[in-house]
């Protein structure tokens, strides 16, 4: 449903359910990772980022897509991606303070 359904409300509901599942949604990491960069609906991308953050360290394979989402056109998606990266335990270089980048 998350990737295939043409209705953005259905995809949003699927992503929201995965947020509520938390770590139990870890098998959905590949679908969430794809949707966070490819879905046309910003709400879906937002909930995908939140779900990945709730999954935590088990979502480490989503670091690339989450880092790409830091440049999303929607500020809420950008924020959710940054929070998710922090919960996964990865801080992209561009979020690090300048003194820590050396």
C-alpha atoms as a PDB file:
ATOM      1  CA  UNK A   1       0.000   0.000   0.000  1.00  0.00           C
ATOM      2  CA  UNK A   2       2.741   2.454   0.883  1.00  0.00           C
ATOM      3  CA  UNK A   3       4.339   2.353  -2.547  1.00  0.00           C
ATOM      4  CA  UNK A   4       1.625   1.089  -4.858  1.00  0.00           C
ATOM      5  CA  UNK A   5      -1.653   2.782  -3.978  1.00  0.00           C
ATOM      6  CA  UNK A   6      -2.485   5.747  -6.217  1.00  0.00           C
ATOM      7  CA  UNK A   7      -4.454   7.474  -3.438  1.00  0.00           C
ATOM      8  CA  UNK A   8      -2.203   9.681  -1.282  1.00  0.00           C
ATOM      9  CA  UNK A   9      -4.615   9.360   1.652  1.00  0.00           C
ATOM     10  CA  UNK A  10      -4.174   5.575   1.638  1.00  0.00           C
ATOM     11  CA  UNK A  11      -0.375   5.949   1.457  1.00  0.00           C
ATOM     12  CA  UNK A  12      -0.505   8.481   4.307  1.00  0.00           C
ATOM     13  CA  UNK A  13      -2.566   6.060   6.404  1.00  0.00           C
ATOM     14  CA  UNK A  14      -0.081   3.263   5.718  1.00  0.00           C
ATOM     15  CA  UNK A  15       2.870   5.461   6.709  1.00  0.00           C
ATOM     16  CA  UNK A  16       1.027   6.641   9.836  1.00  0.00           C
ATOM     17  CA  UNK A  17       0.409   3.026  10.854  1.00  0.00           C
ATOM     18  CA  UNK A  18       4.134   2.343  10.496  1.00  0.00           C
ATOM     19  CA  UNK A  19       4.913   5.334  12.751  1.00  0.00           C
ATOM     20  CA  UNK A  20       2.644   3.818  15.405  1.00  0.00           C
ATOM     21  CA  UNK A  21       4.358   0.430  15.059  1.00  0.00           C
ATOM     22  CA  UNK A  22       7.739   1.914  15.916  1.00  0.00           C
ATOM     23  CA  UNK A  23      10.571  -0.628  15.968  1.00  0.00           C
ATOM     24  CA  UNK A  24       8.167  -3.380  14.946  1.00  0.00           C
ATOM     25  CA  UNK A  25       8.013  -1.743  11.495  1.00  0.00           C
ATOM     26  CA  UNK A  26      11.693  -2.462  10.759  1.00  0.00           C
ATOM     27  CA  UNK A  27      10.806  -4.807   7.885  1.00  0.00           C
ATOM     28  CA  UNK A  28       9.300  -1.785   6.112  1.00  0.00           C
ATOM     29  CA  UNK A  29      12.612   0.132   6.045  1.00  0.00           C
ATOM     30  CA  UNK A  30      13.164  -0.501   2.294  1.00  0.00           C
ATOM     31  CA  UNK A  31       9.661   0.730   1.399  1.00  0.00           C
ATOM     32  CA  UNK A  32       9.940   3.721   3.736  1.00  0.00           C
ATOM     33  CA  UNK A  33      13.361   4.583   2.317  1.00  0.00           C
ATOM     34  CA  UNK A  34      12.039   4.551  -1.215  1.00  0.00           C
ATOM     35  CA  UNK A  35       8.894   6.501  -0.400  1.00  0.00           C
ATOM     36  CA  UNK A  36      10.723   9.245   1.479  1.00  0.00           C
ATOM     37  CA  UNK A  37      12.518  10.246  -1.704  1.00  0.00           C
ATOM     38  CA  UNK A  38      10.013   9.291  -4.407  1.00  0.00           C
ATOM     39  CA  UNK A  39       6.491   9.923  -3.114  1.00  0.00           C
ATOM     40  CA  UNK A  40       4.869  13.040  -4.541  1.00  0.00           C
ATOM     41  CA  UNK A  41       2.854  13.744  -1.382  1.00  0.00           C
ATOM     42  CA  UNK A  42       4.700  15.629   1.360  1.00  0.00           C
ATOM     43  CA  UNK A  43       2.552  14.096   4.122  1.00  0.00           C
ATOM     44  CA  UNK A  44       3.595  10.620   3.043  1.00  0.00           C
ATOM     45  CA  UNK A  45       7.267  11.668   3.013  1.00  0.00           C
ATOM     46  CA  UNK A  46       6.852  13.263   6.456  1.00  0.00           C
ATOM     47  CA  UNK A  47       5.368  10.120   8.027  1.00  0.00           C
ATOM     48  CA  UNK A  48       7.984   7.941   6.328  1.00  0.00           C
ATOM     49  CA  UNK A  49      10.725  10.014   7.973  1.00  0.00           C
ATOM     50  CA  UNK A  50       8.954   9.816  11.325  1.00  0.00           C
ATOM     51  CA  UNK A  51       8.542   6.039  10.986  1.00  0.00           C
ATOM     52  CA  UNK A  52      12.233   5.612  10.205  1.00  0.00           C
ATOM     53  CA  UNK A  53      13.076   7.653  13.286  1.00  0.00           C
ATOM     54  CA  UNK A  54      10.809   5.505  15.440  1.00  0.00           C
ATOM     55  CA  UNK A  55      12.498   2.375  14.105  1.00  0.00           C
ATOM     56  CA  UNK A  56      15.816   3.825  15.228  1.00  0.00           C
ATOM     57  CA  UNK A  57      19.145   2.045  14.752  1.00  0.00           C
ATOM     58  CA  UNK A  58      17.485  -0.769  12.799  1.00  0.00           C
ATOM     59  CA  UNK A  59      16.829   1.796  10.049  1.00  0.00           C
ATOM     60  CA  UNK A  60      20.533   2.454   9.444  1.00  0.00           C
ATOM     61  CA  UNK A  61      20.119   1.473   5.774  1.00  0.00           C
ATOM     62  CA  UNK A  62      17.872   4.524   5.376  1.00  0.00           C
ATOM     63  CA  UNK A  63      20.637   7.039   6.145  1.00  0.00           C
ATOM     64  CA  UNK A  64      21.147   7.849   2.445  1.00  0.00           C
ATOM     65  CA  UNK A  65      17.476   8.552   1.669  1.00  0.00           C
ATOM     66  CA  UNK A  66      17.058  10.470   4.943  1.00  0.00           C
ATOM     67  CA  UNK A  67      20.105  12.582   4.129  1.00  0.00           C
ATOM     68  CA  UNK A  68      18.605  13.316   0.712  1.00  0.00           C
ATOM     69  CA  UNK A  69      15.338  14.284   2.448  1.00  0.00           C
ATOM     70  CA  UNK A  70      17.202  17.055   4.280  1.00  0.00           C
ATOM     71  CA  UNK A  71      16.856  18.936   0.962  1.00  0.00           C
ATOM     72  CA  UNK A  72      13.138  18.159   0.544  1.00  0.00           C
ATOM     73  CA  UNK A  73      10.932  20.988  -0.690  1.00  0.00           C
ATOM     74  CA  UNK A  74       8.863  20.704   2.518  1.00  0.00           C
ATOM     75  CA  UNK A  75      10.441  22.060   5.707  1.00  0.00           C
ATOM     76  CA  UNK A  76       8.530  19.583   7.895  1.00  0.00           C
ATOM     77  CA  UNK A  77       9.997  16.675   5.927  1.00  0.00           C
ATOM     78  CA  UNK A  78      13.474  18.187   6.302  1.00  0.00           C
ATOM     79  CA  UNK A  79      13.010  18.483  10.063  1.00  0.00           C
ATOM     80  CA  UNK A  80      11.608  14.962  10.413  1.00  0.00           C
ATOM     81  CA  UNK A  81      14.543  13.592   8.404  1.00  0.00           C
ATOM     82  CA  UNK A  82      17.050  15.360  10.670  1.00  0.00           C
ATOM     83  CA  UNK A  83      15.315  14.047  13.790  1.00  0.00           C
ATOM     84  CA  UNK A  84      15.206  10.530  12.320  1.00  0.00           C
ATOM     85  CA  UNK A  85      18.923  10.632  11.523  1.00  0.00           C
ATOM     86  CA  UNK A  86      19.610  11.607  15.124  1.00  0.00           C
ATOM     87  CA  UNK A  87      17.490   8.721  16.404  1.00  0.00           C
ATOM     88  CA  UNK A  88      19.271   6.302  14.095  1.00  0.00           C
ATOM     89  CA  UNK A  89      22.549   7.593  15.465  1.00  0.00           C
ATOM     90  CA  UNK A  90      23.827   9.275  12.326  1.00  0.00           C
ATOM     91  CA  UNK A  91      24.477  12.970  12.038  1.00  0.00           C
ATOM     92  CA  UNK A  92      25.212  14.070   8.494  1.00  0.00           C
ATOM     93  CA  UNK A  93      28.218  16.320   8.086  1.00  0.00           C
ATOM     94  CA  UNK A  94      26.076  19.297   7.161  1.00  0.00           C
ATOM     95  CA  UNK A  95      24.246  19.058  10.519  1.00  0.00           C
ATOM     96  CA  UNK A  96      27.460  18.857  12.520  1.00  0.00           C
ATOM     97  CA  UNK A  97      28.748  22.044  14.116  1.00  0.00           C
ATOM     98  CA  UNK A  98      31.566  23.603  12.036  1.00  0.00           C
ATOM     99  CA  UNK A  99      34.182  22.847  14.692  1.00  0.00           C
ATOM    100  CA  UNK A 100      33.373  19.119  14.476  1.00  0.00           C
ATOM    101  CA  UNK A 101      33.767  18.893  10.688  1.00  0.00           C
ATOM    102  CA  UNK A 102      37.556  18.828  10.637  1.00  0.00           C
END
